[in-house]
Each structure stands twice: as structure tokens, then as C-alpha cells.
PDB file of N, CA and C in Angstrom:
ATOM      1  N   MET A   1       0.836  -1.178   0.000  1.00  0.00           N
ATOM      2  CA  MET A   1       0.000   0.000   0.000  1.00  0.00           C
ATOM      3  C   MET A   1       0.886   1.249   0.000  1.00  0.00           C
ATOM      4  N   THR A   2       0.559   2.177  -0.877  1.00  0.00           N
ATOM      5  CA  THR A   2       1.326   3.413  -0.991  1.00  0.00           C
ATOM      6  C   THR A   2       1.087   4.305   0.221  1.00  0.00           C
ATOM      7  N   LYS A   3       2.160   4.794   0.790  1.00  0.00           N
ATOM      8  CA  LYS A   3       2.036   5.696   1.942  1.00  0.00           C
ATOM      9  C   LYS A   3       1.700   7.107   1.466  1.00  0.00           C
ATOM     10  N   LYS A   4       0.832   7.777   2.240  1.00  0.00           N
ATOM     11  CA  LYS A   4       0.372   9.123   1.894  1.00  0.00           C
ATOM     12  C   LYS A   4       1.058  10.158   2.773  1.00  0.00           C
ATOM     13  N   ILE A   5       1.571  11.190   2.123  1.00  0.00           N
ATOM     14  CA  ILE A   5       2.263  12.261   2.836  1.00  0.00           C
ATOM     15  C   ILE A   5       1.587  13.593   2.531  1.00  0.00           C
ATOM     16  N   LEU A   6       1.302  14.348   3.582  1.00  0.00           N
ATOM     17  CA  LEU A   6       0.745  15.691   3.446  1.00  0.00           C
ATOM     18  C   LEU A   6       1.875  16.707   3.565  1.00  0.00           C
ATOM     19  N   ILE A   7       1.961  17.603   2.582  1.00  0.00           N
ATOM     20  CA  ILE A   7       2.965  18.666   2.580  1.00  0.00           C
ATOM     21  C   ILE A   7       2.243  19.985   2.861  1.00  0.00           C
ATOM     22  N   VAL A   8       2.724  20.730   3.852  1.00  0.00           N
ATOM     23  CA  VAL A   8       2.091  22.000   4.224  1.00  0.00           C
ATOM     24  C   VAL A   8       3.147  23.107   4.165  1.00  0.00           C
ATOM     25  N   ASP A   9       2.987  24.022   3.213  1.00  0.00           N
ATOM     26  CA  ASP A   9       3.948  25.118   3.060  1.00  0.00           C
ATOM     27  C   ASP A   9       3.278  26.231   2.271  1.00  0.00           C
ATOM     28  N   ASP A  10       3.564  27.470   2.618  1.00  0.00           N
ATOM     29  CA  ASP A  10       2.962  28.596   1.906  1.00  0.00           C
ATOM     30  C   ASP A  10       3.700  28.941   0.615  1.00  0.00           C
ATOM     31  N   SER A  11       4.817  28.304   0.357  1.00  0.00           N
ATOM     32  CA  SER A  11       5.585  28.563  -0.860  1.00  0.00           C
ATOM     33  C   SER A  11       5.213  27.550  -1.949  1.00  0.00           C
ATOM     34  N   PRO A  12       4.611  28.017  -3.055  1.00  0.00           N
ATOM     35  CA  PRO A  12       4.268  27.090  -4.138  1.00  0.00           C
ATOM     36  C   PRO A  12       5.487  26.341  -4.678  1.00  0.00           C
ATOM     37  N   SER A  13       6.651  26.996  -4.705  1.00  0.00           N
ATOM     38  CA  SER A  13       7.842  26.321  -5.224  1.00  0.00           C
ATOM     39  C   SER A  13       8.301  25.202  -4.291  1.00  0.00           C
ATOM     40  N   VAL A  14       8.232  25.417  -2.983  1.00  0.00           N
ATOM     41  CA  VAL A  14       8.595  24.359  -2.030  1.00  0.00           C
ATOM     42  C   VAL A  14       7.605  23.201  -2.148  1.00  0.00           C
ATOM     43  N   LEU A  15       6.312  23.517  -2.253  1.00  0.00           N
ATOM     44  CA  LEU A  15       5.303  22.462  -2.422  1.00  0.00           C
ATOM     45  C   LEU A  15       5.607  21.632  -3.665  1.00  0.00           C
ATOM     46  N   ALA A  16       5.923  22.300  -4.774  1.00  0.00           N
ATOM     47  CA  ALA A  16       6.193  21.594  -6.029  1.00  0.00           C
ATOM     48  C   ALA A  16       7.447  20.727  -5.931  1.00  0.00           C
ATOM     49  N   ILE A  17       8.500  21.265  -5.338  1.00  0.00           N
ATOM     50  CA  ILE A  17       9.756  20.510  -5.211  1.00  0.00           C
ATOM     51  C   ILE A  17       9.557  19.275  -4.336  1.00  0.00           C
ATOM     52  N   LEU A  18       8.946  19.454  -3.165  1.00  0.00           N
ATOM     53  CA  LEU A  18       8.723  18.312  -2.272  1.00  0.00           C
ATOM     54  C   LEU A  18       7.772  17.301  -2.899  1.00  0.00           C
ATOM     55  N   ASP A  19       6.736  17.791  -3.569  1.00  0.00           N
ATOM     56  CA  ASP A  19       5.789  16.905  -4.237  1.00  0.00           C
ATOM     57  C   ASP A  19       6.512  16.034  -5.269  1.00  0.00           C
ATOM     58  N   ASP A  20       7.347  16.651  -6.097  1.00  0.00           N
ATOM     59  CA  ASP A  20       8.105  15.900  -7.106  1.00  0.00           C
ATOM     60  C   ASP A  20       9.040  14.882  -6.462  1.00  0.00           C
ATOM     61  N   MET A  21       9.788  15.308  -5.450  1.00  0.00           N
ATOM     62  CA  MET A  21      10.723  14.399  -4.770  1.00  0.00           C
ATOM     63  C   MET A  21       9.987  13.194  -4.191  1.00  0.00           C
ATOM     64  N   LEU A  22       8.901  13.468  -3.478  1.00  0.00           N
ATOM     65  CA  LEU A  22       8.166  12.397  -2.796  1.00  0.00           C
ATOM     66  C   LEU A  22       7.499  11.453  -3.787  1.00  0.00           C
ATOM     67  N   GLN A  23       6.924  11.993  -4.856  1.00  0.00           N
ATOM     68  CA  GLN A  23       6.303  11.123  -5.852  1.00  0.00           C
ATOM     69  C   GLN A  23       7.351  10.278  -6.561  1.00  0.00           C
ATOM     70  N   ASP A  24       8.526  10.857  -6.833  1.00  0.00           N
ATOM     71  CA  ASP A  24       9.620  10.088  -7.440  1.00  0.00           C
ATOM     72  C   ASP A  24      10.061   8.938  -6.538  1.00  0.00           C
ATOM     73  N   LEU A  25       9.890   9.113  -5.224  1.00  0.00           N
ATOM     74  CA  LEU A  25      10.254   8.068  -4.263  1.00  0.00           C
ATOM     75  C   LEU A  25       9.110   7.074  -4.034  1.00  0.00           C
ATOM     76  N   GLY A  26       7.991   7.275  -4.726  1.00  0.00           N
ATOM     77  CA  GLY A  26       6.892   6.320  -4.658  1.00  0.00           C
ATOM     78  C   GLY A  26       5.794   6.623  -3.654  1.00  0.00           C
ATOM     79  N   TYR A  27       5.767   7.826  -3.125  1.00  0.00           N
ATOM     80  CA  TYR A  27       4.737   8.200  -2.150  1.00  0.00           C
ATOM     81  C   TYR A  27       3.586   8.931  -2.835  1.00  0.00           C
ATOM     82  N   ALA A  28       2.395   8.792  -2.284  1.00  0.00           N
ATOM     83  CA  ALA A  28       1.246   9.595  -2.706  1.00  0.00           C
ATOM     84  C   ALA A  28       1.291  10.875  -1.885  1.00  0.00           C
ATOM     85  N   THR A  29       0.960  12.005  -2.503  1.00  0.00           N
ATOM     86  CA  THR A  29       1.053  13.277  -1.790  1.00  0.00           C
ATOM     87  C   THR A  29      -0.233  14.091  -1.906  1.00  0.00           C
ATOM     88  N   ALA A  30      -0.408  14.956  -0.936  1.00  0.00           N
ATOM     89  CA  ALA A  30      -1.433  15.997  -0.960  1.00  0.00           C
ATOM     90  C   ALA A  30      -0.750  17.231  -0.404  1.00  0.00           C
ATOM     91  N   SER A  31      -1.258  18.406  -0.741  1.00  0.00           N
ATOM     92  CA  SER A  31      -0.603  19.611  -0.241  1.00  0.00           C
ATOM     93  C   SER A  31      -1.610  20.662   0.187  1.00  0.00           C
ATOM     94  N   ALA A  32      -1.135  21.526   1.085  1.00  0.00           N
ATOM     95  CA  ALA A  32      -1.927  22.645   1.585  1.00  0.00           C
ATOM     96  C   ALA A  32      -1.000  23.842   1.754  1.00  0.00           C
ATOM     97  N   GLY A  33      -1.535  25.038   1.523  1.00  0.00           N
ATOM     98  CA  GLY A  33      -0.744  26.257   1.606  1.00  0.00           C
ATOM     99  C   GLY A  33      -0.693  26.880   2.987  1.00  0.00           C
ATOM    100  N   ASN A  34      -1.471  26.314   3.929  1.00  0.00           N
ATOM    101  CA  ASN A  34      -1.440  26.819   5.305  1.00  0.00           C
ATOM    102  C   ASN A  34      -2.012  25.763   6.247  1.00  0.00           C
ATOM    103  N   GLY A  35      -1.842  25.993   7.526  1.00  0.00           N
ATOM    104  CA  GLY A  35      -2.271  25.026   8.531  1.00  0.00           C
ATOM    105  C   GLY A  35      -3.765  24.785   8.555  1.00  0.00           C
ATOM    106  N   ARG A  36      -4.556  25.816   8.330  1.00  0.00           N
ATOM    107  CA  ARG A  36      -6.012  25.651   8.367  1.00  0.00           C
ATOM    108  C   ARG A  36      -6.484  24.703   7.258  1.00  0.00           C
ATOM    109  N   ASP A  37      -5.975  24.915   6.041  1.00  0.00           N
ATOM    110  CA  ASP A  37      -6.340  24.026   4.935  1.00  0.00           C
ATOM    111  C   ASP A  37      -5.850  22.604   5.196  1.00  0.00           C
ATOM    112  N   ALA A  38      -4.684  22.490   5.806  1.00  0.00           N
ATOM    113  CA  ALA A  38      -4.138  21.168   6.123  1.00  0.00           C
ATOM    114  C   ALA A  38      -5.021  20.426   7.120  1.00  0.00           C
ATOM    115  N   LEU A  39      -5.533  21.119   8.126  1.00  0.00           N
ATOM    116  CA  LEU A  39      -6.424  20.479   9.102  1.00  0.00           C
ATOM    117  C   LEU A  39      -7.670  19.936   8.418  1.00  0.00           C
ATOM    118  N   ASN A  40      -8.195  20.675   7.444  1.00  0.00           N
ATOM    119  CA  ASN A  40      -9.355  20.191   6.692  1.00  0.00           C
ATOM    120  C   ASN A  40      -9.025  18.911   5.936  1.00  0.00           C
ATOM    121  N   LEU A  41      -7.840  18.838   5.346  1.00  0.00           N
ATOM    122  CA  LEU A  41      -7.427  17.625   4.635  1.00  0.00           C
ATOM    123  C   LEU A  41      -7.268  16.444   5.591  1.00  0.00           C
ATOM    124  N   ILE A  42      -6.706  16.704   6.762  1.00  0.00           N
ATOM    125  CA  ILE A  42      -6.500  15.637   7.746  1.00  0.00           C
ATOM    126  C   ILE A  42      -7.830  15.057   8.213  1.00  0.00           C
ATOM    127  N   GLU A  43      -8.844  15.892   8.306  1.00  0.00           N
ATOM    128  CA  GLU A  43     -10.161  15.401   8.723  1.00  0.00           C
ATOM    129  C   GLU A  43     -10.775  14.475   7.680  1.00  0.00           C
ATOM    130  N   GLN A  44     -10.346  14.606   6.415  1.00  0.00           N
ATOM    131  CA  GLN A  44     -10.899  13.807   5.324  1.00  0.00           C
ATOM    132  C   GLN A  44     -10.052  12.592   4.960  1.00  0.00           C
ATOM    133  N   THR A  45      -8.762  12.648   5.257  1.00  0.00           N
ATOM    134  CA  THR A  45      -7.824  11.633   4.780  1.00  0.00           C
ATOM    135  C   THR A  45      -6.864  11.226   5.884  1.00  0.00           C
ATOM    136  N   LYS A  46      -6.513   9.950   5.914  1.00  0.00           N
ATOM    137  CA  LYS A  46      -5.514   9.437   6.862  1.00  0.00           C
ATOM    138  C   LYS A  46      -4.150   9.495   6.180  1.00  0.00           C
ATOM    139  N   PHE A  47      -3.238  10.255   6.755  1.00  0.00           N
ATOM    140  CA  PHE A  47      -1.883  10.369   6.216  1.00  0.00           C
ATOM    141  C   PHE A  47      -0.917   9.556   7.070  1.00  0.00           C
ATOM    142  N   ASN A  48       0.165   9.079   6.431  1.00  0.00           N
ATOM    143  CA  ASN A  48       1.209   8.346   7.140  1.00  0.00           C
ATOM    144  C   ASN A  48       2.283   9.273   7.690  1.00  0.00           C
ATOM    145  N   LEU A  49       2.372  10.480   7.112  1.00  0.00           N
ATOM    146  CA  LEU A  49       3.388  11.452   7.505  1.00  0.00           C
ATOM    147  C   LEU A  49       2.926  12.839   7.084  1.00  0.00           C
ATOM    148  N   ILE A  50       3.310  13.833   7.875  1.00  0.00           N
ATOM    149  CA  ILE A  50       3.048  15.226   7.525  1.00  0.00           C
ATOM    150  C   ILE A  50       4.378  15.968   7.543  1.00  0.00           C
ATOM    151  N   ILE A  51       4.616  16.748   6.494  1.00  0.00           N
ATOM    152  CA  ILE A  51       5.783  17.619   6.421  1.00  0.00           C
ATOM    153  C   ILE A  51       5.243  19.043   6.390  1.00  0.00           C
ATOM    154  N   THR A  52       5.615  19.857   7.374  1.00  0.00           N
ATOM    155  CA  THR A  52       5.073  21.212   7.452  1.00  0.00           C
ATOM    156  C   THR A  52       6.148  22.270   7.649  1.00  0.00           C
ATOM    157  N   ASP A  53       5.887  23.425   7.083  1.00  0.00           N
ATOM    158  CA  ASP A  53       6.738  24.592   7.294  1.00  0.00           C
ATOM    159  C   ASP A  53       6.456  25.156   8.684  1.00  0.00           C
ATOM    160  N   LEU A  54       7.406  25.844   9.245  1.00  0.00           N
ATOM    161  CA  LEU A  54       7.222  26.492  10.543  1.00  0.00           C
ATOM    162  C   LEU A  54       6.509  27.833  10.399  1.00  0.00           C
ATOM    163  N   THR A  55       6.945  28.645   9.447  1.00  0.00           N
ATOM    164  CA  THR A  55       6.418  29.998   9.304  1.00  0.00           C
ATOM    165  C   THR A  55       5.484  30.079   8.101  1.00  0.00           C
ATOM    166  N   MET A  56       4.182  30.282   8.378  1.00  0.00           N
ATOM    167  CA  MET A  56       3.167  30.382   7.321  1.00  0.00           C
ATOM    168  C   MET A  56       2.107  31.393   7.741  1.00  0.00           C
ATOM    169  N   PRO A  57       1.414  31.989   6.758  1.00  0.00           N
ATOM    170  CA  PRO A  57       0.288  32.858   7.095  1.00  0.00           C
ATOM    171  C   PRO A  57      -0.933  32.025   7.480  1.00  0.00           C
ATOM    172  N   VAL A  58      -1.957  32.656   7.955  1.00  0.00           N
ATOM    173  CA  VAL A  58      -3.236  32.059   8.350  1.00  0.00           C
ATOM    174  C   VAL A  58      -3.085  31.239   9.622  1.00  0.00           C
ATOM    175  N   MET A  59      -2.256  30.194   9.581  1.00  0.00           N
ATOM    176  CA  MET A  59      -1.967  29.384  10.770  1.00  0.00           C
ATOM    177  C   MET A  59      -0.530  28.898  10.654  1.00  0.00           C
ATOM    178  N   ASP A  60       0.321  29.275  11.586  1.00  0.00           N
ATOM    179  CA  ASP A  60       1.727  28.875  11.508  1.00  0.00           C
ATOM    180  C   ASP A  60       1.904  27.396  11.845  1.00  0.00           C
ATOM    181  N   GLY A  61       3.113  26.908  11.607  1.00  0.00           N
ATOM    182  CA  GLY A  61       3.398  25.495  11.808  1.00  0.00           C
ATOM    183  C   GLY A  61       3.203  25.009  13.232  1.00  0.00           C
ATOM    184  N   MET A  62       3.563  25.828  14.205  1.00  0.00           N
ATOM    185  CA  MET A  62       3.414  25.427  15.619  1.00  0.00           C
ATOM    186  C   MET A  62       1.946  25.230  15.972  1.00  0.00           C
ATOM    187  N   THR A  63       1.117  26.209  15.619  1.00  0.00           N
ATOM    188  CA  THR A  63      -0.313  26.116  15.907  1.00  0.00           C
ATOM    189  C   THR A  63      -0.921  24.943  15.152  1.00  0.00           C
ATOM    190  N   PHE A  64      -0.500  24.767  13.897  1.00  0.00           N
ATOM    191  CA  PHE A  64      -0.994  23.647  13.102  1.00  0.00           C
ATOM    192  C   PHE A  64      -0.690  22.313  13.779  1.00  0.00           C
ATOM    193  N   VAL A  65       0.547  22.114  14.220  1.00  0.00           N
ATOM    194  CA  VAL A  65       0.923  20.849  14.868  1.00  0.00           C
ATOM    195  C   VAL A  65       0.102  20.636  16.141  1.00  0.00           C
ATOM    196  N   GLU A  66      -0.038  21.677  16.940  1.00  0.00           N
ATOM    197  CA  GLU A  66      -0.838  21.557  18.173  1.00  0.00           C
ATOM    198  C   GLU A  66      -2.266  21.127  17.860  1.00  0.00           C
ATOM    199  N   GLN A  67      -2.871  21.741  16.840  1.00  0.00           N
ATOM    200  CA  GLN A  67      -4.252  21.414  16.467  1.00  0.00           C
ATOM    201  C   GLN A  67      -4.346  20.024  15.830  1.00  0.00           C
ATOM    202  N   ALA A  68      -3.387  19.699  14.975  1.00  0.00           N
ATOM    203  CA  ALA A  68      -3.403  18.403  14.285  1.00  0.00           C
ATOM    204  C   ALA A  68      -3.299  17.248  15.272  1.00  0.00           C
ATOM    205  N   LYS A  69      -2.452  17.394  16.274  1.00  0.00           N
ATOM    206  CA  LYS A  69      -2.257  16.319  17.250  1.00  0.00           C
ATOM    207  C   LYS A  69      -3.509  16.057  18.090  1.00  0.00           C
ATOM    208  N   LYS A  70      -4.473  16.972  18.066  1.00  0.00           N
ATOM    209  CA  LYS A  70      -5.731  16.772  18.789  1.00  0.00           C
ATOM    210  C   LYS A  70      -6.742  15.963  17.978  1.00  0.00           C
ATOM    211  N   LEU A  71      -6.493  15.821  16.676  1.00  0.00           N
ATOM    212  CA  LEU A  71      -7.425  15.097  15.814  1.00  0.00           C
ATOM    213  C   LEU A  71      -7.167  13.594  15.896  1.00  0.00           C
ATOM    214  N   PRO A  72      -8.235  12.794  16.016  1.00  0.00           N
ATOM    215  CA  PRO A  72      -8.060  11.340  16.112  1.00  0.00           C
ATOM    216  C   PRO A  72      -7.290  10.762  14.925  1.00  0.00           C
ATOM    217  N   ASN A  73      -7.483  11.332  13.741  1.00  0.00           N
ATOM    218  CA  ASN A  73      -6.843  10.870  12.518  1.00  0.00           C
ATOM    219  C   ASN A  73      -5.345  11.159  12.479  1.00  0.00           C
ATOM    220  N   CYS A  74      -4.869  11.964  13.420  1.00  0.00           N
ATOM    221  CA  CYS A  74      -3.491  12.461  13.336  1.00  0.00           C
ATOM    222  C   CYS A  74      -2.695  12.306  14.628  1.00  0.00           C
ATOM    223  N   LYS A  75      -3.335  11.792  15.649  1.00  0.00           N
ATOM    224  CA  LYS A  75      -2.710  11.749  16.975  1.00  0.00           C
ATOM    225  C   LYS A  75      -1.315  11.114  16.970  1.00  0.00           C
ATOM    226  N   PHE A  76      -1.150  10.036  16.196  1.00  0.00           N
ATOM    227  CA  PHE A  76       0.123   9.310  16.197  1.00  0.00           C
ATOM    228  C   PHE A  76       0.882   9.420  14.873  1.00  0.00           C
ATOM    229  N   VAL A  77       0.485  10.353  14.032  1.00  0.00           N
ATOM    230  CA  VAL A  77       1.153  10.537  12.740  1.00  0.00           C
ATOM    231  C   VAL A  77       2.438  11.339  12.950  1.00  0.00           C
ATOM    232  N   PRO A  78       3.571  10.846  12.437  1.00  0.00           N
ATOM    233  CA  PRO A  78       4.811  11.611  12.580  1.00  0.00           C
ATOM    234  C   PRO A  78       4.745  12.913  11.778  1.00  0.00           C
ATOM    235  N   ILE A  79       5.339  13.958  12.338  1.00  0.00           N
ATOM    236  CA  ILE A  79       5.361  15.264  11.680  1.00  0.00           C
ATOM    237  C   ILE A  79       6.803  15.753  11.603  1.00  0.00           C
ATOM    238  N   VAL A  80       7.211  16.100  10.384  1.00  0.00           N
ATOM    239  CA  VAL A  80       8.532  16.675  10.141  1.00  0.00           C
ATOM    240  C   VAL A  80       8.323  18.164   9.882  1.00  0.00           C
ATOM    241  N   MET A  81       9.038  19.003  10.609  1.00  0.00           N
ATOM    242  CA  MET A  81       8.905  20.447  10.427  1.00  0.00           C
ATOM    243  C   MET A  81      10.104  20.987   9.661  1.00  0.00           C
ATOM    244  N   LEU A  82       9.821  21.918   8.743  1.00  0.00           N
ATOM    245  CA  LEU A  82      10.845  22.552   7.919  1.00  0.00           C
ATOM    246  C   LEU A  82      10.914  24.040   8.213  1.00  0.00           C
ATOM    247  N   SER A  83      12.092  24.603   8.072  1.00  0.00           N
ATOM    248  CA  SER A  83      12.213  26.056   8.156  1.00  0.00           C
ATOM    249  C   SER A  83      13.586  26.493   7.681  1.00  0.00           C
ATOM    250  N   SER A  84      13.629  27.700   7.169  1.00  0.00           N
ATOM    251  CA  SER A  84      14.922  28.296   6.831  1.00  0.00           C
ATOM    252  C   SER A  84      15.450  29.095   8.022  1.00  0.00           C
ATOM    253  N   GLU A  85      14.624  29.214   9.056  1.00  0.00           N
ATOM    254  CA  GLU A  85      15.036  29.928  10.275  1.00  0.00           C
ATOM    255  C   GLU A  85      16.119  29.157  11.022  1.00  0.00           C
ATOM    256  N   GLU A  86      16.887  29.887  11.806  1.00  0.00           N
ATOM    257  CA  GLU A  86      17.912  29.251  12.624  1.00  0.00           C
ATOM    258  C   GLU A  86      17.716  29.588  14.090  1.00  0.00           C
ATOM    259  N   ASP A  87      16.479  29.814  14.478  1.00  0.00           N
ATOM    260  CA  ASP A  87      16.127  30.170  15.846  1.00  0.00           C
ATOM    261  C   ASP A  87      15.992  28.891  16.682  1.00  0.00           C
ATOM    262  N   ASP A  88      17.027  28.572  17.445  1.00  0.00           N
ATOM    263  CA  ASP A  88      17.042  27.327  18.214  1.00  0.00           C
ATOM    264  C   ASP A  88      15.913  27.248  19.236  1.00  0.00           C
ATOM    265  N   GLU A  89      15.490  28.387  19.772  1.00  0.00           N
ATOM    266  CA  GLU A  89      14.391  28.381  20.746  1.00  0.00           C
ATOM    267  C   GLU A  89      13.081  27.963  20.093  1.00  0.00           C
ATOM    268  N   ARG A  90      12.825  28.472  18.879  1.00  0.00           N
ATOM    269  CA  ARG A  90      11.596  28.072  18.164  1.00  0.00           C
ATOM    270  C   ARG A  90      11.648  26.596  17.782  1.00  0.00           C
ATOM    271  N   ILE A  91      12.818  26.121  17.407  1.00  0.00           N
ATOM    272  CA  ILE A  91      12.966  24.710  17.053  1.00  0.00           C
ATOM    273  C   ILE A  91      12.708  23.842  18.285  1.00  0.00           C
ATOM    274  N   ALA A  92      13.256  24.221  19.416  1.00  0.00           N
ATOM    275  CA  ALA A  92      13.021  23.478  20.664  1.00  0.00           C
ATOM    276  C   ALA A  92      11.542  23.500  21.027  1.00  0.00           C
ATOM    277  N   ALA A  93      10.895  24.643  20.855  1.00  0.00           N
ATOM    278  CA  ALA A  93       9.459  24.750  21.148  1.00  0.00           C
ATOM    279  C   ALA A  93       8.653  23.854  20.212  1.00  0.00           C
ATOM    280  N   ALA A  94       9.064  23.774  18.955  1.00  0.00           N
ATOM    281  CA  ALA A  94       8.369  22.914  17.988  1.00  0.00           C
ATOM    282  C   ALA A  94       8.474  21.446  18.395  1.00  0.00           C
ATOM    283  N   LYS A  95       9.617  21.054  18.888  1.00  0.00           N
ATOM    284  CA  LYS A  95       9.782  19.664  19.332  1.00  0.00           C
ATOM    285  C   LYS A  95       8.877  19.360  20.519  1.00  0.00           C
ATOM    286  N   LYS A  96       8.645  20.352  21.358  1.00  0.00           N
ATOM    287  CA  LYS A  96       7.772  20.143  22.520  1.00  0.00           C
ATOM    288  C   LYS A  96       6.308  19.958  22.130  1.00  0.00           C
ATOM    289  N   VAL A  97       5.881  20.541  20.999  1.00  0.00           N
ATOM    290  CA  VAL A  97       4.473  20.401  20.604  1.00  0.00           C
ATOM    291  C   VAL A  97       4.199  19.107  19.847  1.00  0.00           C
ATOM    292  N   GLY A  98       5.250  18.352  19.547  1.00  0.00           N
ATOM    293  CA  GLY A  98       5.000  17.024  19.001  1.00  0.00           C
ATOM    294  C   GLY A  98       5.571  16.685  17.643  1.00  0.00           C
ATOM    295  N   ILE A  99       6.543  17.466  17.139  1.00  0.00           N
ATOM    296  CA  ILE A  99       7.135  17.067  15.863  1.00  0.00           C
ATOM    297  C   ILE A  99       8.111  15.912  16.083  1.00  0.00           C
ATOM    298  N   SER A 100       8.312  15.135  15.029  1.00  0.00           N
ATOM    299  CA  SER A 100       9.252  14.015  15.101  1.00  0.00           C
ATOM    300  C   SER A 100      10.683  14.477  14.882  1.00  0.00           C
ATOM    301  N   THR A 101      10.853  15.393  13.938  1.00  0.00           N
ATOM    302  CA  THR A 101      12.182  15.923  13.650  1.00  0.00           C
ATOM    303  C   THR A 101      12.054  17.257  12.926  1.00  0.00           C
ATOM    304  N   PHE A 102      13.173  17.938  12.797  1.00  0.00           N
ATOM    305  CA  PHE A 102      13.215  19.262  12.187  1.00  0.00           C
ATOM    306  C   PHE A 102      14.270  19.261  11.095  1.00  0.00           C
ATOM    307  N   LEU A 103      13.936  19.828   9.936  1.00  0.00           N
ATOM    308  CA  LEU A 103      14.895  19.953   8.840  1.00  0.00           C
ATOM    309  C   LEU A 103      15.003  21.407   8.412  1.00  0.00           C
ATOM    310  N   ARG A 104      16.224  21.829   8.128  1.00  0.00           N
ATOM    311  CA  ARG A 104      16.428  23.188   7.625  1.00  0.00           C
ATOM    312  C   ARG A 104      16.295  23.195   6.100  1.00  0.00           C
ATOM    313  N   LYS A 105      15.654  24.246   5.599  1.00  0.00           N
ATOM    314  CA  LYS A 105      15.572  24.444   4.150  1.00  0.00           C
ATOM    315  C   LYS A 105      16.886  25.042   3.669  1.00  0.00           C
ATOM    316  N   PRO A 106      17.303  24.808   2.452  1.00  0.00           N
ATOM    317  CA  PRO A 106      16.642  23.980   1.452  1.00  0.00           C
ATOM    318  C   PRO A 106      16.866  22.491   1.728  1.00  0.00           C
ATOM    319  N   ILE A 107      15.888  21.699   1.385  1.00  0.00           N
ATOM    320  CA  ILE A 107      15.944  20.253   1.616  1.00  0.00           C
ATOM    321  C   ILE A 107      16.620  19.583   0.425  1.00  0.00           C
ATOM    322  N   ARG A 108      17.551  18.703   0.725  1.00  0.00           N
ATOM    323  CA  ARG A 108      18.200  17.908  -0.317  1.00  0.00           C
ATOM    324  C   ARG A 108      17.537  16.532  -0.372  1.00  0.00           C
ATOM    325  N   GLU A 109      17.491  15.950  -1.552  1.00  0.00           N
ATOM    326  CA  GLU A 109      16.781  14.683  -1.733  1.00  0.00           C
ATOM    327  C   GLU A 109      17.346  13.573  -0.845  1.00  0.00           C
ATOM    328  N   GLN A 110      18.660  13.477  -0.725  1.00  0.00           N
ATOM    329  CA  GLN A 110      19.245  12.426   0.112  1.00  0.00           C
ATOM    330  C   GLN A 110      18.872  12.621   1.578  1.00  0.00           C
ATOM    331  N   GLN A 111      18.863  13.863   2.017  1.00  0.00           N
ATOM    332  CA  GLN A 111      18.460  14.190   3.387  1.00  0.00           C
ATOM    333  C   GLN A 111      17.003  13.767   3.608  1.00  0.00           C
ATOM    334  N   LEU A 112      16.144  14.042   2.637  1.00  0.00           N
ATOM    335  CA  LEU A 112      14.735  13.670   2.730  1.00  0.00           C
ATOM    336  C   LEU A 112      14.578  12.153   2.779  1.00  0.00           C
ATOM    337  N   LYS A 113      15.309  11.436   1.925  1.00  0.00           N
ATOM    338  CA  LYS A 113      15.251   9.963   1.920  1.00  0.00           C
ATOM    339  C   LYS A 113      15.626   9.398   3.283  1.00  0.00           C
ATOM    340  N   THR A 114      16.686   9.930   3.870  1.00  0.00           N
ATOM    341  CA  THR A 114      17.141   9.456   5.179  1.00  0.00           C
ATOM    342  C   THR A 114      16.076   9.668   6.240  1.00  0.00           C
ATOM    343  N   ILE A 115      15.490  10.861   6.278  1.00  0.00           N
ATOM    344  CA  ILE A 115      14.449  11.161   7.266  1.00  0.00           C
ATOM    345  C   ILE A 115      13.227  10.277   7.053  1.00  0.00           C
ATOM    346  N   LEU A 116      12.823  10.081   5.797  1.00  0.00           N
ATOM    347  CA  LEU A 116      11.666   9.224   5.514  1.00  0.00           C
ATOM    348  C   LEU A 116      11.917   7.802   5.993  1.00  0.00           C
ATOM    349  N   SER A 117      13.122   7.322   5.767  1.00  0.00           N
ATOM    350  CA  SER A 117      13.475   5.974   6.206  1.00  0.00           C
ATOM    351  C   SER A 117      13.387   5.845   7.722  1.00  0.00           C
ATOM    352  N   ILE A 118      13.874   6.841   8.426  1.00  0.00           N
ATOM    353  CA  ILE A 118      13.850   6.812   9.891  1.00  0.00           C
ATOM    354  C   ILE A 118      12.426   6.952  10.421  1.00  0.00           C
ATOM    355  N   VAL A 119      11.707   7.952   9.926  1.00  0.00           N
ATOM    356  CA  VAL A 119      10.380   8.270  10.461  1.00  0.00           C
ATOM    357  C   VAL A 119       9.321   7.245  10.056  1.00  0.00           C
ATOM    358  N   LEU A 120       9.422   6.743   8.813  1.00  0.00           N
ATOM    359  CA  LEU A 120       8.420   5.786   8.338  1.00  0.00           C
ATOM    360  C   LEU A 120       8.881   4.337   8.467  1.00  0.00           C
ATOM    361  N   GLY A 121      10.103   4.152   8.940  1.00  0.00           N
ATOM    362  CA  GLY A 121      10.595   2.793   9.169  1.00  0.00           C
ATOM    363  C   GLY A 121      10.878   2.013   7.907  1.00  0.00           C
ATOM    364  N   GLY A 122      11.512   2.630   6.947  1.00  0.00           N
ATOM    365  CA  GLY A 122      11.869   1.889   5.754  1.00  0.00           C
ATOM    366  C   GLY A 122      11.680   2.710   4.581  1.00  0.00           C
TER     367      GLY A 122
END
């Protein structure tokens, strides 16, 4: 069964790049431009993994993760957070709200493969 990954980022170029990388690796993908739209998708679909940006309009990554973890469909879904920021305090705070790991942008394909292997177990 193909694993489904939700990508949440306000940058259309980041969404396109991650979508291409993940589909090339054999994953099914869905995307949202902000946390609010992502929560709507989670209510409709069971995802195996969520990759989200930290800084977004409408609903930022931290608030999104906090809200997503309250949904029955997402309680135990691993979440990888992305950001170009280097604010260690925000990264530490993100880990406290329930992310599995944090990656700095720009994401390289080999780095993504390694994280997927660890987080999804293969």
C-alpha cells in the first residue's frame, strides 16, 4: 500500500519541489498552503506522515501541529517540520508540541530519503 504524505507550506515552489521528490520516491502526496487548509485535509484523509513549514500565514506550523495532534486521525502521525530559520528556541518549542524531527531548508533529496526511512521505518 502506498504511503500518503501531506505537505504544508505557503511557498508554491517548495510544495512543487517536495511533491516531485516524494512522488519520485513512490509516495502519494497531498498539499496545503497553510495550517487551516491542512487540518481540513487531515479530517478527510488518513496520512502516514506530515511535512510542514514552521512559518506560514493564516496558521503557523506550531499552531498547526498543536491542532493536528488533537485530531483522532493524526494523533500518532509523525510530523517533520521545515524552516529556513535558525532560531534554536523556536525549534526546541516545535519539538515540545510534538514534531518528530526538524529539517532546515533547502531540503536535499538524500536528506529527505534518510528522514523518511527513519520516520516511516523503511
